Amino acid sequence: MNLKKIIAGLDITRMEGAGGDPAIRGIRFDSRKVGKGDLFVAVRGTVTDGHHYIAEALSRGAACVVGEELPEKADQK
């Protein structure tokens, strides 16, 4: 399924990156399980915050990330 179909109907306030409509292989909440073409969802939990693992998910091949905030390095660009 493509990204645009997955996010249709969501209230998206900001999008960053190359754009396009990549094919999404799977949806992952655990950055250790992310593979090429996956969508990583950064979730705040009671033990840790998924936003801390965005860089790891991208390095493992995530096609895109859904989160509530940009990572610090992205904000400084």
N, C-alpha and C. Protein backbone atom coordinates (compact mmCIF):
# COMPACT_ATOMS: atom_id res chain seq x y z
N MET A 1 0.85 -1.17 0.00
CA MET A 1 0.00 0.00 0.00
C MET A 1 0.90 1.24 0.00
N ASN A 2 0.45 2.28 -0.63
CA ASN A 2 1.25 3.50 -0.71
C ASN A 2 0.94 4.44 0.45
N LEU A 3 1.92 5.29 0.76
CA LEU A 3 1.84 6.20 1.89
C LEU A 3 0.59 7.07 1.85
N LYS A 4 0.29 7.66 0.71
CA LYS A 4 -0.85 8.56 0.64
C LYS A 4 -2.15 7.88 1.05
N LYS A 5 -2.29 6.61 0.72
CA LYS A 5 -3.50 5.88 1.10
C LYS A 5 -3.52 5.62 2.61
N ILE A 6 -2.36 5.34 3.18
CA ILE A 6 -2.27 5.07 4.62
C ILE A 6 -2.59 6.32 5.44
N ILE A 7 -2.11 7.48 5.00
CA ILE A 7 -2.29 8.70 5.80
C ILE A 7 -3.53 9.51 5.41
N ALA A 8 -4.28 9.03 4.44
CA ALA A 8 -5.50 9.74 4.03
C ALA A 8 -6.42 9.91 5.24
N GLY A 9 -6.90 11.10 5.44
CA GLY A 9 -7.81 11.38 6.54
C GLY A 9 -7.14 11.80 7.83
N LEU A 10 -5.81 11.72 7.90
CA LEU A 10 -5.10 12.18 9.09
C LEU A 10 -4.94 13.69 9.06
N ASP A 11 -4.92 14.29 10.21
CA ASP A 11 -4.72 15.74 10.32
C ASP A 11 -3.22 15.99 10.41
N ILE A 12 -2.58 16.12 9.27
CA ILE A 12 -1.13 16.29 9.20
C ILE A 12 -0.82 17.78 9.17
N THR A 13 0.00 18.21 10.13
CA THR A 13 0.33 19.62 10.22
C THR A 13 1.63 19.97 9.51
N ARG A 14 2.51 18.98 9.32
CA ARG A 14 3.79 19.27 8.68
C ARG A 14 4.37 17.99 8.11
N MET A 15 4.92 18.09 6.90
CA MET A 15 5.61 16.96 6.28
C MET A 15 7.00 17.43 5.88
N GLU A 16 7.99 16.59 6.10
CA GLU A 16 9.38 16.89 5.75
C GLU A 16 9.89 15.79 4.84
N GLY A 17 10.88 16.10 4.04
CA GLY A 17 11.54 15.08 3.26
C GLY A 17 11.34 15.23 1.77
N ALA A 18 11.65 14.16 1.07
CA ALA A 18 11.66 14.17 -0.39
C ALA A 18 10.26 14.17 -0.99
N GLY A 19 9.27 13.77 -0.22
CA GLY A 19 7.92 13.73 -0.75
C GLY A 19 7.67 12.46 -1.52
N GLY A 20 6.77 12.52 -2.46
CA GLY A 20 6.44 11.35 -3.24
C GLY A 20 5.39 10.50 -2.53
N ASP A 21 5.21 9.32 -3.04
CA ASP A 21 4.21 8.40 -2.51
C ASP A 21 4.81 7.00 -2.45
N PRO A 22 5.75 6.78 -1.53
CA PRO A 22 6.45 5.49 -1.50
C PRO A 22 5.52 4.33 -1.15
N ALA A 23 5.84 3.16 -1.69
CA ALA A 23 5.16 1.94 -1.30
C ALA A 23 5.62 1.57 0.11
N ILE A 24 4.69 1.25 0.98
CA ILE A 24 5.01 0.91 2.36
C ILE A 24 4.89 -0.60 2.54
N ARG A 25 5.96 -1.21 2.97
CA ARG A 25 6.03 -2.66 3.15
C ARG A 25 5.33 -3.11 4.42
N GLY A 26 5.51 -2.33 5.49
CA GLY A 26 4.91 -2.67 6.78
C GLY A 26 4.93 -1.46 7.69
N ILE A 27 4.23 -1.56 8.80
CA ILE A 27 4.19 -0.50 9.80
C ILE A 27 4.81 -1.04 11.07
N ARG A 28 5.79 -0.32 11.60
CA ARG A 28 6.54 -0.78 12.77
C ARG A 28 6.53 0.28 13.87
N PHE A 29 6.44 -0.18 15.11
CA PHE A 29 6.52 0.69 16.28
C PHE A 29 7.84 0.46 17.02
N ASP A 30 8.54 -0.60 16.68
CA ASP A 30 9.81 -0.97 17.30
C ASP A 30 10.92 -0.75 16.28
N SER A 31 11.79 0.22 16.53
CA SER A 31 12.84 0.57 15.56
C SER A 31 13.76 -0.60 15.26
N ARG A 32 13.89 -1.54 16.20
CA ARG A 32 14.77 -2.70 15.98
C ARG A 32 14.20 -3.64 14.92
N LYS A 33 12.93 -3.53 14.64
CA LYS A 33 12.28 -4.42 13.66
C LYS A 33 12.04 -3.75 12.31
N VAL A 34 12.47 -2.51 12.17
CA VAL A 34 12.26 -1.77 10.92
C VAL A 34 13.12 -2.34 9.82
N GLY A 35 12.55 -2.47 8.64
CA GLY A 35 13.27 -2.91 7.45
C GLY A 35 13.02 -1.93 6.32
N LYS A 36 13.67 -2.18 5.21
CA LYS A 36 13.56 -1.29 4.05
C LYS A 36 12.10 -1.17 3.62
N GLY A 37 11.65 0.07 3.47
CA GLY A 37 10.30 0.33 3.00
C GLY A 37 9.24 0.38 4.07
N ASP A 38 9.62 0.22 5.33
CA ASP A 38 8.63 0.28 6.42
C ASP A 38 8.31 1.72 6.80
N LEU A 39 7.15 1.90 7.39
CA LEU A 39 6.76 3.17 8.00
C LEU A 39 6.99 2.99 9.50
N PHE A 40 7.77 3.87 10.10
CA PHE A 40 8.04 3.81 11.54
C PHE A 40 7.16 4.81 12.25
N VAL A 41 6.41 4.35 13.25
CA VAL A 41 5.56 5.22 14.05
C VAL A 41 6.25 5.45 15.39
N ALA A 42 6.64 6.70 15.65
CA ALA A 42 7.31 7.05 16.91
C ALA A 42 6.23 7.30 17.97
N VAL A 43 6.18 6.40 18.94
CA VAL A 43 5.14 6.45 19.98
C VAL A 43 5.78 6.78 21.32
N ARG A 44 5.16 7.68 22.05
CA ARG A 44 5.60 7.95 23.43
C ARG A 44 5.02 6.88 24.33
N GLY A 45 5.87 6.20 25.07
CA GLY A 45 5.42 5.17 25.99
C GLY A 45 5.71 5.55 27.42
N THR A 46 5.41 4.64 28.33
CA THR A 46 5.67 4.90 29.75
C THR A 46 7.13 4.67 30.11
N VAL A 47 7.84 3.88 29.31
CA VAL A 47 9.24 3.57 29.61
C VAL A 47 10.19 4.38 28.73
N THR A 48 9.86 4.53 27.47
CA THR A 48 10.73 5.26 26.54
C THR A 48 9.89 6.01 25.51
N ASP A 49 10.54 6.86 24.76
CA ASP A 49 9.87 7.68 23.75
C ASP A 49 10.38 7.27 22.37
N GLY A 50 9.50 6.81 21.52
CA GLY A 50 9.88 6.36 20.19
C GLY A 50 10.56 7.42 19.35
N HIS A 51 10.37 8.69 19.69
CA HIS A 51 11.02 9.76 18.94
C HIS A 51 12.55 9.68 19.07
N HIS A 52 13.04 9.06 20.14
CA HIS A 52 14.49 8.91 20.33
C HIS A 52 15.08 7.91 19.34
N TYR A 53 14.24 7.13 18.67
CA TYR A 53 14.71 6.05 17.80
C TYR A 53 14.45 6.32 16.32
N ILE A 54 14.08 7.55 15.99
CA ILE A 54 13.80 7.89 14.59
C ILE A 54 15.05 7.70 13.73
N ALA A 55 16.19 8.18 14.17
CA ALA A 55 17.42 8.05 13.38
C ALA A 55 17.75 6.58 13.14
N GLU A 56 17.57 5.75 14.16
CA GLU A 56 17.83 4.31 14.00
C GLU A 56 16.89 3.71 12.96
N ALA A 57 15.61 4.05 13.03
CA ALA A 57 14.63 3.51 12.08
C ALA A 57 14.99 3.92 10.66
N LEU A 58 15.39 5.16 10.47
CA LEU A 58 15.78 5.62 9.14
C LEU A 58 17.04 4.91 8.66
N SER A 59 17.98 4.67 9.55
CA SER A 59 19.21 3.98 9.15
C SER A 59 18.94 2.52 8.79
N ARG A 60 17.86 1.95 9.29
CA ARG A 60 17.47 0.57 8.97
C ARG A 60 16.63 0.48 7.70
N GLY A 61 16.33 1.64 7.10
CA GLY A 61 15.63 1.63 5.82
C GLY A 61 14.20 2.10 5.83
N ALA A 62 13.75 2.70 6.93
CA ALA A 62 12.37 3.19 6.97
C ALA A 62 12.12 4.16 5.82
N ALA A 63 10.99 3.99 5.14
CA ALA A 63 10.64 4.87 4.03
C ALA A 63 10.12 6.20 4.54
N CYS A 64 9.53 6.18 5.74
CA CYS A 64 9.01 7.40 6.34
C CYS A 64 8.74 7.17 7.82
N VAL A 65 8.48 8.28 8.50
CA VAL A 65 8.26 8.26 9.95
C VAL A 65 7.01 9.08 10.24
N VAL A 66 6.20 8.59 11.17
CA VAL A 66 5.07 9.34 11.68
C VAL A 66 5.36 9.62 13.14
N GLY A 67 5.25 10.87 13.54
CA GLY A 67 5.51 11.23 14.92
C GLY A 67 4.85 12.55 15.27
N GLU A 68 4.96 12.91 16.53
CA GLU A 68 4.37 14.16 17.00
C GLU A 68 5.34 15.33 16.89
N GLU A 69 6.63 15.03 16.75
CA GLU A 69 7.64 16.09 16.68
C GLU A 69 8.80 15.64 15.81
N LEU A 70 9.56 16.62 15.30
CA LEU A 70 10.75 16.32 14.53
C LEU A 70 11.90 16.03 15.49
N PRO A 71 12.83 15.17 15.10
CA PRO A 71 14.01 14.97 15.92
C PRO A 71 14.79 16.28 16.02
N GLU A 72 15.57 16.45 17.07
CA GLU A 72 16.32 17.69 17.29
C GLU A 72 17.16 18.10 16.10
N LYS A 73 17.91 17.16 15.50
CA LYS A 73 18.79 17.48 14.37
C LYS A 73 17.99 18.00 13.19
N ALA A 74 16.81 17.44 12.94
CA ALA A 74 15.98 17.90 11.82
C ALA A 74 15.48 19.31 12.07
N ASP A 75 15.18 19.64 13.34
CA ASP A 75 14.71 20.97 13.68
C ASP A 75 15.78 22.04 13.45
N GLN A 76 17.05 21.65 13.53
CA GLN A 76 18.14 22.61 13.44
C GLN A 76 18.56 22.89 12.00
N LYS A 77 17.96 22.24 11.01
CA LYS A 77 18.33 22.46 9.61
C LYS A 77 17.87 23.80 9.13
